[in-house]
Amino acid sequence: MKAAALRTGNTGNRQMDIYLASQSPRRRELLRQIGVEFELLPVEIDESQRAGESPESCVQRLALEKARAGRAILPAGRSRPVMGADTLVVCGDAVLGKPVDRDAALGMLQSLSGSTHRVITAVALAGDYEAARVSTSLVTFRTLTVPECEAYWETGEPRDKAGSYAVQGLAAMFITRLEGSYSGVMGLPVYETAELLKDFGIKLL
């Protein structure tokens, strides 16, 4: 695996805290929200769920694998921990990933319509040691019509989102109830992230 170019998320004069092994703009936004200084270290791994693997085990494994992959390509002399994260949307027994096309997205939205699903997000740090935390939230959608799902697809918002929706975007109008972590549904649970950073000696306040 080749080393990727590092890009900074530093917005102040404080020393950089971590590397972020993610290409998600939502995770960058949430880290900046709590004052974390970071550099981007995009990685690619196989995100397939293993046979017999529970969603909770899968999401934690993938977050750790992303952090490890980032750690493996750090330039010599760089020693800050690497953060990885992963999110799964689970409706019944089905894990809903990012839609491959319009039909897949419409199918996912119809399966979420009028029901409650789980959003499971794990955050992990790899440094001198490894640790991960998992957040599970319950999200309830009102009943969606087919024309609504089609119009939502045309906005472009569902295209790169697990479950084909973004809680922080237009899909907020579909949600009647959310139990758990709003930021976790976005892609990075802020409470669990802050606790994990604290365990690694990174002071945010």
N, C-alpha and C. Protein backbone atom coordinates (compact mmCIF):
# COMPACT_ATOMS: atom_id res chain seq x y z
N MET A 1 0.84 -1.19 0.00
CA MET A 1 0.00 0.00 0.00
C MET A 1 0.87 1.24 0.00
N LYS A 2 0.58 2.19 -0.89
CA LYS A 2 1.38 3.39 -0.99
C LYS A 2 0.90 4.45 0.00
N ALA A 3 1.85 5.24 0.48
CA ALA A 3 1.50 6.32 1.39
C ALA A 3 0.72 7.39 0.64
N ALA A 4 -0.32 7.90 1.30
CA ALA A 4 -1.13 8.95 0.71
C ALA A 4 -0.62 10.31 1.17
N ALA A 5 -0.91 11.32 0.38
CA ALA A 5 -0.52 12.67 0.76
C ALA A 5 -1.32 13.09 1.99
N LEU A 6 -0.63 13.69 2.95
CA LEU A 6 -1.28 14.15 4.17
C LEU A 6 -1.90 15.51 3.93
N ARG A 7 -3.14 15.69 4.39
CA ARG A 7 -3.80 16.98 4.31
C ARG A 7 -4.24 17.38 5.70
N THR A 8 -4.06 18.63 6.03
CA THR A 8 -4.29 19.06 7.40
C THR A 8 -5.74 19.42 7.67
N GLY A 9 -6.16 19.18 8.90
CA GLY A 9 -7.45 19.66 9.38
C GLY A 9 -7.23 20.66 10.49
N ASN A 10 -6.03 21.17 10.59
CA ASN A 10 -5.66 22.09 11.66
C ASN A 10 -6.23 23.46 11.40
N THR A 11 -6.95 23.99 12.39
CA THR A 11 -7.56 25.31 12.25
C THR A 11 -7.03 26.29 13.27
N GLY A 12 -6.03 25.93 14.02
CA GLY A 12 -5.49 26.81 15.04
C GLY A 12 -4.00 26.59 15.17
N ASN A 13 -3.47 26.97 16.33
CA ASN A 13 -2.04 26.86 16.56
C ASN A 13 -1.67 25.66 17.42
N ARG A 14 -2.66 24.86 17.84
CA ARG A 14 -2.37 23.73 18.68
C ARG A 14 -1.70 22.63 17.87
N GLN A 15 -0.89 21.84 18.54
CA GLN A 15 -0.21 20.74 17.87
C GLN A 15 -1.23 19.73 17.35
N MET A 16 -0.94 19.12 16.22
CA MET A 16 -1.82 18.13 15.64
C MET A 16 -2.02 16.96 16.60
N ASP A 17 -3.28 16.52 16.74
CA ASP A 17 -3.63 15.46 17.69
C ASP A 17 -3.56 14.07 17.09
N ILE A 18 -4.14 13.90 15.92
CA ILE A 18 -4.29 12.57 15.32
C ILE A 18 -4.18 12.64 13.80
N TYR A 19 -4.09 11.46 13.18
CA TYR A 19 -4.32 11.29 11.76
C TYR A 19 -5.71 10.70 11.60
N LEU A 20 -6.41 11.09 10.56
CA LEU A 20 -7.75 10.59 10.30
C LEU A 20 -7.74 9.76 9.03
N ALA A 21 -7.96 8.45 9.18
CA ALA A 21 -7.97 7.54 8.04
C ALA A 21 -9.40 7.45 7.49
N SER A 22 -9.84 8.53 6.89
CA SER A 22 -11.20 8.60 6.36
C SER A 22 -11.27 9.68 5.31
N GLN A 23 -12.17 9.49 4.35
CA GLN A 23 -12.41 10.50 3.32
C GLN A 23 -13.75 11.19 3.53
N SER A 24 -14.39 10.93 4.68
CA SER A 24 -15.72 11.45 4.94
C SER A 24 -15.69 12.91 5.38
N PRO A 25 -16.36 13.80 4.65
CA PRO A 25 -16.43 15.19 5.09
C PRO A 25 -17.23 15.35 6.38
N ARG A 26 -18.20 14.44 6.63
CA ARG A 26 -18.96 14.52 7.88
C ARG A 26 -18.07 14.27 9.08
N ARG A 27 -17.16 13.31 8.97
CA ARG A 27 -16.27 13.03 10.11
C ARG A 27 -15.30 14.18 10.34
N ARG A 28 -14.82 14.79 9.27
CA ARG A 28 -13.96 15.95 9.43
C ARG A 28 -14.70 17.08 10.15
N GLU A 29 -15.94 17.30 9.74
CA GLU A 29 -16.75 18.36 10.34
C GLU A 29 -16.95 18.12 11.84
N LEU A 30 -17.24 16.87 12.21
CA LEU A 30 -17.50 16.56 13.62
C LEU A 30 -16.24 16.66 14.47
N LEU A 31 -15.10 16.26 13.92
CA LEU A 31 -13.85 16.42 14.65
C LEU A 31 -13.52 17.90 14.87
N ARG A 32 -13.73 18.71 13.85
CA ARG A 32 -13.49 20.15 14.01
C ARG A 32 -14.44 20.75 15.04
N GLN A 33 -15.65 20.21 15.11
CA GLN A 33 -16.66 20.71 16.06
C GLN A 33 -16.17 20.61 17.50
N ILE A 34 -15.41 19.55 17.81
CA ILE A 34 -14.92 19.39 19.18
C ILE A 34 -13.44 19.78 19.31
N GLY A 35 -12.93 20.47 18.30
CA GLY A 35 -11.60 21.05 18.41
C GLY A 35 -10.45 20.10 18.21
N VAL A 36 -10.67 18.99 17.52
CA VAL A 36 -9.59 18.04 17.26
C VAL A 36 -8.77 18.51 16.07
N GLU A 37 -7.46 18.56 16.24
CA GLU A 37 -6.56 18.92 15.14
C GLU A 37 -6.05 17.63 14.49
N PHE A 38 -6.16 17.53 13.18
CA PHE A 38 -5.85 16.27 12.51
C PHE A 38 -5.26 16.51 11.13
N GLU A 39 -4.66 15.45 10.61
CA GLU A 39 -4.25 15.40 9.21
C GLU A 39 -4.94 14.21 8.56
N LEU A 40 -5.38 14.39 7.34
CA LEU A 40 -6.08 13.33 6.62
C LEU A 40 -5.10 12.31 6.06
N LEU A 41 -5.47 11.06 6.20
CA LEU A 41 -4.66 9.97 5.69
C LEU A 41 -5.61 8.97 5.04
N PRO A 42 -6.13 9.27 3.86
CA PRO A 42 -7.12 8.39 3.21
C PRO A 42 -6.55 7.00 2.95
N VAL A 43 -7.33 5.98 3.27
CA VAL A 43 -6.94 4.59 3.03
C VAL A 43 -8.10 3.88 2.35
N GLU A 44 -7.79 2.75 1.73
CA GLU A 44 -8.81 1.90 1.15
C GLU A 44 -8.63 0.48 1.67
N ILE A 45 -9.74 -0.10 2.15
CA ILE A 45 -9.72 -1.49 2.62
C ILE A 45 -10.94 -2.19 2.04
N ASP A 46 -10.95 -3.51 2.15
CA ASP A 46 -12.11 -4.30 1.77
C ASP A 46 -13.16 -4.16 2.88
N GLU A 47 -14.30 -3.54 2.57
CA GLU A 47 -15.30 -3.28 3.60
C GLU A 47 -16.41 -4.33 3.61
N SER A 48 -16.17 -5.49 3.04
CA SER A 48 -17.18 -6.55 2.99
C SER A 48 -17.41 -7.14 4.38
N GLN A 49 -18.67 -7.46 4.65
CA GLN A 49 -19.00 -8.16 5.88
C GLN A 49 -18.67 -9.63 5.73
N ARG A 50 -18.06 -10.23 6.74
CA ARG A 50 -17.69 -11.63 6.69
C ARG A 50 -18.88 -12.52 7.00
N ALA A 51 -18.84 -13.73 6.49
CA ALA A 51 -19.92 -14.68 6.72
C ALA A 51 -20.08 -14.93 8.22
N GLY A 52 -21.29 -14.81 8.70
CA GLY A 52 -21.57 -15.07 10.11
C GLY A 52 -21.19 -13.95 11.05
N GLU A 53 -20.68 -12.85 10.52
CA GLU A 53 -20.23 -11.74 11.36
C GLU A 53 -21.40 -10.81 11.68
N SER A 54 -21.58 -10.48 12.94
CA SER A 54 -22.65 -9.58 13.33
C SER A 54 -22.32 -8.16 12.86
N PRO A 55 -23.34 -7.33 12.66
CA PRO A 55 -23.07 -5.94 12.27
C PRO A 55 -22.17 -5.21 13.28
N GLU A 56 -22.39 -5.46 14.57
CA GLU A 56 -21.58 -4.80 15.60
C GLU A 56 -20.12 -5.22 15.49
N SER A 57 -19.87 -6.51 15.29
CA SER A 57 -18.49 -6.99 15.14
C SER A 57 -17.87 -6.46 13.86
N CYS A 58 -18.67 -6.43 12.79
CA CYS A 58 -18.18 -5.97 11.50
C CYS A 58 -17.75 -4.50 11.56
N VAL A 59 -18.60 -3.65 12.10
CA VAL A 59 -18.30 -2.22 12.11
C VAL A 59 -17.09 -1.91 12.97
N GLN A 60 -16.93 -2.64 14.07
CA GLN A 60 -15.75 -2.42 14.92
C GLN A 60 -14.48 -2.90 14.22
N ARG A 61 -14.58 -4.06 13.56
CA ARG A 61 -13.41 -4.58 12.83
C ARG A 61 -12.98 -3.63 11.72
N LEU A 62 -13.95 -3.11 10.97
CA LEU A 62 -13.62 -2.21 9.86
C LEU A 62 -13.00 -0.90 10.36
N ALA A 63 -13.51 -0.38 11.46
CA ALA A 63 -12.92 0.84 12.02
C ALA A 63 -11.47 0.59 12.42
N LEU A 64 -11.21 -0.54 13.06
CA LEU A 64 -9.85 -0.89 13.46
C LEU A 64 -8.95 -1.12 12.25
N GLU A 65 -9.49 -1.80 11.22
CA GLU A 65 -8.68 -2.07 10.03
C GLU A 65 -8.30 -0.77 9.31
N LYS A 66 -9.20 0.19 9.28
CA LYS A 66 -8.88 1.48 8.68
C LYS A 66 -7.78 2.19 9.46
N ALA A 67 -7.89 2.16 10.79
CA ALA A 67 -6.86 2.78 11.62
C ALA A 67 -5.51 2.09 11.43
N ARG A 68 -5.53 0.76 11.37
CA ARG A 68 -4.28 0.02 11.17
C ARG A 68 -3.68 0.30 9.80
N ALA A 69 -4.55 0.39 8.77
CA ALA A 69 -4.06 0.67 7.43
C ALA A 69 -3.40 2.05 7.37
N GLY A 70 -4.00 3.00 8.05
CA GLY A 70 -3.39 4.32 8.10
C GLY A 70 -2.07 4.31 8.84
N ARG A 71 -2.05 3.58 9.93
CA ARG A 71 -0.81 3.47 10.73
C ARG A 71 0.32 2.85 9.90
N ALA A 72 -0.04 1.88 9.05
CA ALA A 72 0.96 1.17 8.27
C ALA A 72 1.63 2.04 7.21
N ILE A 73 0.97 3.11 6.79
CA ILE A 73 1.55 3.95 5.74
C ILE A 73 2.02 5.31 6.25
N LEU A 74 2.08 5.47 7.55
CA LEU A 74 2.59 6.74 8.09
C LEU A 74 4.05 6.94 7.67
N PRO A 75 4.40 8.15 7.28
CA PRO A 75 5.80 8.43 6.97
C PRO A 75 6.68 8.22 8.21
N ALA A 76 7.92 7.91 7.97
CA ALA A 76 8.86 7.70 9.07
C ALA A 76 8.88 8.91 10.00
N GLY A 77 8.92 8.64 11.29
CA GLY A 77 9.00 9.71 12.26
C GLY A 77 7.66 10.24 12.74
N ARG A 78 6.57 9.81 12.10
CA ARG A 78 5.24 10.25 12.53
C ARG A 78 4.69 9.25 13.55
N SER A 79 4.26 9.73 14.70
CA SER A 79 3.90 8.80 15.77
C SER A 79 2.53 9.05 16.37
N ARG A 80 1.79 10.03 15.89
CA ARG A 80 0.47 10.29 16.45
C ARG A 80 -0.49 9.14 16.12
N PRO A 81 -1.49 8.87 16.97
CA PRO A 81 -2.43 7.79 16.67
C PRO A 81 -3.26 8.08 15.43
N VAL A 82 -3.74 7.01 14.81
CA VAL A 82 -4.57 7.10 13.61
C VAL A 82 -5.99 6.70 13.98
N MET A 83 -6.96 7.51 13.55
CA MET A 83 -8.37 7.23 13.81
C MET A 83 -9.02 6.64 12.58
N GLY A 84 -9.79 5.57 12.80
CA GLY A 84 -10.63 5.00 11.75
C GLY A 84 -12.06 4.94 12.25
N ALA A 85 -13.02 4.95 11.36
CA ALA A 85 -14.43 4.87 11.75
C ALA A 85 -15.21 4.17 10.65
N ASP A 86 -16.33 3.59 11.03
CA ASP A 86 -17.18 2.93 10.05
C ASP A 86 -18.62 2.95 10.54
N THR A 87 -19.56 3.03 9.60
CA THR A 87 -20.98 3.09 9.92
C THR A 87 -21.74 2.06 9.11
N LEU A 88 -22.65 1.37 9.76
CA LEU A 88 -23.55 0.44 9.08
C LEU A 88 -25.00 0.80 9.41
N VAL A 89 -25.85 0.75 8.41
CA VAL A 89 -27.29 0.90 8.59
C VAL A 89 -27.90 -0.49 8.50
N VAL A 90 -28.64 -0.88 9.53
CA VAL A 90 -29.18 -2.24 9.61
C VAL A 90 -30.70 -2.16 9.72
N CYS A 91 -31.39 -2.73 8.74
CA CYS A 91 -32.85 -2.75 8.72
C CYS A 91 -33.30 -4.21 8.80
N GLY A 92 -33.85 -4.60 9.94
CA GLY A 92 -34.16 -6.01 10.15
C GLY A 92 -32.86 -6.78 10.19
N ASP A 93 -32.72 -7.76 9.31
CA ASP A 93 -31.48 -8.54 9.24
C ASP A 93 -30.57 -8.07 8.11
N ALA A 94 -31.00 -7.05 7.38
CA ALA A 94 -30.25 -6.60 6.21
C ALA A 94 -29.34 -5.43 6.54
N VAL A 95 -28.08 -5.53 6.10
CA VAL A 95 -27.14 -4.42 6.23
C VAL A 95 -27.21 -3.61 4.94
N LEU A 96 -27.50 -2.31 5.08
CA LEU A 96 -27.66 -1.45 3.92
C LEU A 96 -26.41 -0.59 3.76
N GLY A 97 -25.67 -0.84 2.70
CA GLY A 97 -24.46 -0.06 2.44
C GLY A 97 -24.77 1.14 1.58
N LYS A 98 -23.76 1.61 0.85
CA LYS A 98 -23.96 2.72 -0.08
C LYS A 98 -24.61 2.17 -1.35
N PRO A 99 -25.57 2.87 -1.92
CA PRO A 99 -26.28 2.35 -3.10
C PRO A 99 -25.38 2.32 -4.33
N VAL A 100 -25.48 1.26 -5.08
CA VAL A 100 -24.68 1.14 -6.30
C VAL A 100 -25.34 1.87 -7.47
N ASP A 101 -26.67 2.07 -7.37
CA ASP A 101 -27.38 2.77 -8.45
C ASP A 101 -28.73 3.25 -7.91
N ARG A 102 -29.49 3.85 -8.80
CA ARG A 102 -30.80 4.41 -8.44
C ARG A 102 -31.74 3.35 -7.89
N ASP A 103 -31.83 2.20 -8.55
CA ASP A 103 -32.74 1.16 -8.11
C ASP A 103 -32.39 0.67 -6.71
N ALA A 104 -31.09 0.53 -6.43
CA ALA A 104 -30.67 0.09 -5.10
C ALA A 104 -31.07 1.11 -4.05
N ALA A 105 -30.88 2.39 -4.35
CA ALA A 105 -31.24 3.44 -3.40
C ALA A 105 -32.74 3.46 -3.13
N LEU A 106 -33.53 3.35 -4.19
CA LEU A 106 -34.98 3.36 -4.02
C LEU A 106 -35.44 2.15 -3.20
N GLY A 107 -34.79 1.02 -3.42
CA GLY A 107 -35.13 -0.17 -2.65
C GLY A 107 -34.81 0.01 -1.17
N MET A 108 -33.67 0.62 -0.88
CA MET A 108 -33.30 0.86 0.51
C MET A 108 -34.28 1.82 1.18
N LEU A 109 -34.59 2.91 0.50
CA LEU A 109 -35.50 3.89 1.09
C LEU A 109 -36.88 3.29 1.34
N GLN A 110 -37.35 2.45 0.44
CA GLN A 110 -38.63 1.79 0.66
C GLN A 110 -38.58 0.82 1.83
N SER A 111 -37.43 0.16 2.03
CA SER A 111 -37.31 -0.75 3.18
C SER A 111 -37.27 0.02 4.50
N LEU A 112 -36.75 1.25 4.47
CA LEU A 112 -36.71 2.07 5.68
C LEU A 112 -38.05 2.75 5.96
N SER A 113 -38.87 2.90 4.94
CA SER A 113 -40.13 3.61 5.04
C SER A 113 -41.05 3.02 6.10
N GLY A 114 -41.54 3.86 7.00
CA GLY A 114 -42.51 3.44 8.01
C GLY A 114 -41.98 2.47 9.03
N SER A 115 -40.66 2.43 9.23
CA SER A 115 -40.10 1.46 10.17
C SER A 115 -38.92 2.07 10.93
N THR A 116 -38.43 1.29 11.89
CA THR A 116 -37.28 1.70 12.70
C THR A 116 -36.09 0.84 12.34
N HIS A 117 -34.94 1.47 12.14
CA HIS A 117 -33.72 0.73 11.82
C HIS A 117 -32.60 1.15 12.77
N ARG A 118 -31.53 0.38 12.75
CA ARG A 118 -30.36 0.69 13.58
C ARG A 118 -29.26 1.32 12.74
N VAL A 119 -28.57 2.28 13.35
CA VAL A 119 -27.35 2.82 12.76
C VAL A 119 -26.22 2.56 13.75
N ILE A 120 -25.25 1.76 13.33
CA ILE A 120 -24.15 1.35 14.20
C ILE A 120 -22.87 1.98 13.68
N THR A 121 -22.22 2.77 14.52
CA THR A 121 -20.97 3.41 14.14
C THR A 121 -19.88 3.07 15.15
N ALA A 122 -18.73 2.68 14.64
CA ALA A 122 -17.57 2.41 15.49
C ALA A 122 -16.48 3.42 15.19
N VAL A 123 -15.75 3.81 16.23
CA VAL A 123 -14.59 4.68 16.08
C VAL A 123 -13.42 3.97 16.76
N ALA A 124 -12.25 4.01 16.13
CA ALA A 124 -11.09 3.29 16.64
C ALA A 124 -9.85 4.16 16.54
N LEU A 125 -8.92 3.93 17.45
CA LEU A 125 -7.61 4.57 17.40
C LEU A 125 -6.53 3.51 17.44
N ALA A 126 -5.52 3.67 16.59
CA ALA A 126 -4.36 2.78 16.58
C ALA A 126 -3.11 3.62 16.80
N GLY A 127 -2.41 3.28 17.87
CA GLY A 127 -1.16 3.97 18.19
C GLY A 127 -0.22 2.97 18.83
N ASP A 128 0.26 3.28 20.02
CA ASP A 128 1.06 2.31 20.75
C ASP A 128 0.21 1.10 21.15
N TYR A 129 -1.08 1.32 21.22
CA TYR A 129 -2.04 0.22 21.43
C TYR A 129 -3.29 0.58 20.63
N GLU A 130 -4.29 -0.30 20.63
CA GLU A 130 -5.51 -0.09 19.87
C GLU A 130 -6.73 -0.12 20.78
N ALA A 131 -7.73 0.66 20.42
CA ALA A 131 -8.99 0.64 21.17
C ALA A 131 -10.10 1.11 20.25
N ALA A 132 -11.32 0.67 20.55
CA ALA A 132 -12.47 1.05 19.73
C ALA A 132 -13.70 1.19 20.62
N ARG A 133 -14.61 2.01 20.16
CA ARG A 133 -15.91 2.17 20.83
C ARG A 133 -17.00 2.12 19.78
N VAL A 134 -18.18 1.63 20.20
CA VAL A 134 -19.30 1.45 19.27
C VAL A 134 -20.53 2.18 19.80
N SER A 135 -21.22 2.86 18.89
CA SER A 135 -22.46 3.55 19.22
C SER A 135 -23.59 2.98 18.36
N THR A 136 -24.73 2.68 18.99
CA THR A 136 -25.89 2.19 18.25
C THR A 136 -27.08 3.11 18.49
N SER A 137 -27.70 3.55 17.40
CA SER A 137 -28.86 4.44 17.48
C SER A 137 -30.03 3.82 16.74
N LEU A 138 -31.23 4.20 17.15
CA LEU A 138 -32.46 3.75 16.50
C LEU A 138 -33.09 4.94 15.78
N VAL A 139 -33.37 4.77 14.49
CA VAL A 139 -33.92 5.84 13.67
C VAL A 139 -35.24 5.36 13.07
N THR A 140 -36.29 6.16 13.25
CA THR A 140 -37.61 5.81 12.72
C THR A 140 -37.99 6.75 11.58
N PHE A 141 -38.35 6.18 10.45
CA PHE A 141 -38.81 6.94 9.28
C PHE A 141 -40.34 6.93 9.23
N ARG A 142 -40.91 8.05 8.79
CA ARG A 142 -42.33 8.04 8.43
C ARG A 142 -42.49 7.25 7.13
N THR A 143 -43.72 6.98 6.75
CA THR A 143 -43.97 6.29 5.48
C THR A 143 -43.60 7.21 4.32
N LEU A 144 -42.82 6.68 3.39
CA LEU A 144 -42.39 7.44 2.22
C LEU A 144 -43.12 6.96 0.98
N THR A 145 -43.49 7.87 0.13
CA THR A 145 -44.09 7.48 -1.14
C THR A 145 -42.99 7.23 -2.17
N VAL A 146 -43.31 6.48 -3.20
CA VAL A 146 -42.34 6.22 -4.27
C VAL A 146 -41.89 7.53 -4.94
N PRO A 147 -42.82 8.45 -5.27
CA PRO A 147 -42.37 9.72 -5.86
C PRO A 147 -41.42 10.50 -4.94
N GLU A 148 -41.63 10.44 -3.63
CA GLU A 148 -40.72 11.11 -2.69
C GLU A 148 -39.33 10.49 -2.77
N CYS A 149 -39.27 9.18 -2.78
CA CYS A 149 -37.97 8.49 -2.86
C CYS A 149 -37.26 8.83 -4.17
N GLU A 150 -38.02 8.87 -5.26
CA GLU A 150 -37.44 9.21 -6.55
C GLU A 150 -36.93 10.65 -6.56
N ALA A 151 -37.70 11.56 -5.99
CA ALA A 151 -37.27 12.96 -5.94
C ALA A 151 -36.05 13.13 -5.06
N TYR A 152 -36.00 12.38 -3.96
CA TYR A 152 -34.85 12.46 -3.07
C TYR A 152 -33.59 11.95 -3.78
N TRP A 153 -33.71 10.87 -4.53
CA TRP A 153 -32.56 10.37 -5.29
C TRP A 153 -32.04 11.43 -6.26
N GLU A 154 -32.92 12.15 -6.89
CA GLU A 154 -32.52 13.14 -7.88
C GLU A 154 -31.77 14.31 -7.26
N THR A 155 -31.89 14.52 -5.95
CA THR A 155 -31.12 15.59 -5.30
C THR A 155 -29.63 15.26 -5.25
N GLY A 156 -29.28 13.97 -5.39
CA GLY A 156 -27.88 13.55 -5.31
C GLY A 156 -27.43 13.18 -3.91
N GLU A 157 -28.21 13.52 -2.91
CA GLU A 157 -27.79 13.30 -1.53
C GLU A 157 -27.58 11.82 -1.17
N PRO A 158 -28.41 10.90 -1.65
CA PRO A 158 -28.26 9.51 -1.21
C PRO A 158 -27.07 8.77 -1.81
N ARG A 159 -26.42 9.30 -2.82
CA ARG A 159 -25.51 8.53 -3.65
C ARG A 159 -24.32 7.92 -2.91
N ASP A 160 -23.77 8.60 -1.92
CA ASP A 160 -22.58 8.07 -1.23
C ASP A 160 -22.84 7.84 0.25
N LYS A 161 -24.12 7.58 0.59
CA LYS A 161 -24.49 7.45 2.00
C LYS A 161 -24.95 6.02 2.31
N ALA A 162 -24.48 5.49 3.43
CA ALA A 162 -24.98 4.20 3.89
C ALA A 162 -26.47 4.31 4.15
N GLY A 163 -27.23 3.33 3.63
CA GLY A 163 -28.67 3.38 3.78
C GLY A 163 -29.36 4.32 2.82
N SER A 164 -28.58 5.02 2.00
CA SER A 164 -29.11 5.94 0.98
C SER A 164 -29.76 7.20 1.57
N TYR A 165 -29.29 7.64 2.74
CA TYR A 165 -29.82 8.89 3.27
C TYR A 165 -28.80 9.58 4.16
N ALA A 166 -28.99 10.90 4.33
CA ALA A 166 -28.14 11.70 5.20
C ALA A 166 -29.00 12.36 6.26
N VAL A 167 -28.79 12.01 7.53
CA VAL A 167 -29.60 12.56 8.61
C VAL A 167 -29.44 14.07 8.72
N GLN A 168 -28.26 14.58 8.33
CA GLN A 168 -27.99 16.01 8.44
C GLN A 168 -28.46 16.80 7.22
N GLY A 169 -29.07 16.10 6.27
CA GLY A 169 -29.50 16.75 5.04
C GLY A 169 -31.01 16.73 4.88
N LEU A 170 -31.45 16.60 3.63
CA LEU A 170 -32.87 16.63 3.32
C LEU A 170 -33.65 15.50 3.98
N ALA A 171 -32.97 14.38 4.24
CA ALA A 171 -33.65 13.23 4.83
C ALA A 171 -34.13 13.50 6.24
N ALA A 172 -33.70 14.59 6.85
CA ALA A 172 -34.18 14.93 8.19
C ALA A 172 -35.71 15.04 8.21
N MET A 173 -36.31 15.41 7.08
CA MET A 173 -37.77 15.55 7.03
C MET A 173 -38.48 14.20 7.04
N PHE A 174 -37.74 13.11 6.86
CA PHE A 174 -38.34 11.77 6.88
C PHE A 174 -38.35 11.18 8.29
N ILE A 175 -37.55 11.72 9.20
CA ILE A 175 -37.29 11.07 10.48
C ILE A 175 -38.25 11.57 11.56
N THR A 176 -39.01 10.64 12.13
CA THR A 176 -39.96 10.99 13.19
C THR A 176 -39.37 10.81 14.57
N ARG A 177 -38.34 9.99 14.68
CA ARG A 177 -37.76 9.74 16.01
C ARG A 177 -36.32 9.25 15.85
N LEU A 178 -35.45 9.71 16.74
CA LEU A 178 -34.06 9.25 16.77
C LEU A 178 -33.68 9.01 18.22
N GLU A 179 -33.33 7.78 18.54
CA GLU A 179 -32.90 7.43 19.89
C GLU A 179 -31.42 7.05 19.84
N GLY A 180 -30.59 7.83 20.52
CA GLY A 180 -29.16 7.54 20.53
C GLY A 180 -28.35 8.76 20.18
N SER A 181 -27.39 8.59 19.29
CA SER A 181 -26.42 9.63 18.96
C SER A 181 -26.67 10.19 17.57
N TYR A 182 -27.08 11.47 17.51
CA TYR A 182 -27.26 12.11 16.20
C TYR A 182 -25.94 12.12 15.44
N SER A 183 -24.84 12.46 16.12
CA SER A 183 -23.54 12.49 15.45
C SER A 183 -23.10 11.10 15.03
N GLY A 184 -23.51 10.08 15.80
CA GLY A 184 -23.21 8.71 15.41
C GLY A 184 -23.91 8.33 14.12
N VAL A 185 -25.15 8.80 13.94
CA VAL A 185 -25.87 8.54 12.70
C VAL A 185 -25.20 9.29 11.55
N MET A 186 -24.64 10.47 11.82
CA MET A 186 -23.89 11.20 10.80
C MET A 186 -22.63 10.45 10.37
N GLY A 187 -22.02 9.70 11.32
CA GLY A 187 -20.84 8.94 10.96
C GLY A 187 -19.71 8.95 11.96
N LEU A 188 -19.87 9.72 13.07
CA LEU A 188 -18.83 9.74 14.10
C LEU A 188 -19.46 10.15 15.43
N PRO A 189 -19.68 9.20 16.34
CA PRO A 189 -20.32 9.54 17.61
C PRO A 189 -19.39 10.40 18.47
N VAL A 190 -19.80 11.64 18.71
CA VAL A 190 -18.90 12.61 19.35
C VAL A 190 -18.56 12.19 20.78
N TYR A 191 -19.54 11.72 21.55
CA TYR A 191 -19.25 11.33 22.93
C TYR A 191 -18.21 10.21 22.97
N GLU A 192 -18.46 9.14 22.23
CA GLU A 192 -17.53 8.00 22.24
C GLU A 192 -16.15 8.42 21.71
N THR A 193 -16.14 9.29 20.70
CA THR A 193 -14.88 9.76 20.14
C THR A 193 -14.08 10.54 21.18
N ALA A 194 -14.76 11.44 21.88
CA ALA A 194 -14.07 12.23 22.91
C ALA A 194 -13.53 11.36 24.03
N GLU A 195 -14.31 10.35 24.44
CA GLU A 195 -13.85 9.45 25.49
C GLU A 195 -12.64 8.65 25.04
N LEU A 196 -12.67 8.21 23.79
CA LEU A 196 -11.55 7.44 23.25
C LEU A 196 -10.28 8.31 23.18
N LEU A 197 -10.43 9.53 22.71
CA LEU A 197 -9.28 10.45 22.65
C LEU A 197 -8.73 10.71 24.04
N LYS A 198 -9.62 10.85 25.00
CA LYS A 198 -9.16 11.05 26.39
C LYS A 198 -8.36 9.86 26.88
N ASP A 199 -8.79 8.65 26.53
CA ASP A 199 -8.05 7.45 26.93
C ASP A 199 -6.63 7.44 26.34
N PHE A 200 -6.46 8.11 25.20
CA PHE A 200 -5.14 8.19 24.56
C PHE A 200 -4.36 9.43 24.99
N GLY A 201 -4.86 10.11 26.02
CA GLY A 201 -4.14 11.26 26.56
C GLY A 201 -4.30 12.54 25.78
N ILE A 202 -5.33 12.62 24.92
CA ILE A 202 -5.55 13.82 24.11
C ILE A 202 -6.61 14.67 24.80
N LYS A 203 -6.22 15.83 25.26
CA LYS A 203 -7.09 16.72 26.01
C LYS A 203 -7.78 17.68 25.04
N LEU A 204 -9.11 17.74 25.10
CA LEU A 204 -9.86 18.58 24.20
C LEU A 204 -10.27 19.90 24.83
N LEU A 205 -10.45 19.95 26.13
CA LEU A 205 -10.84 21.17 26.82
C LEU A 205 -9.74 21.59 27.80
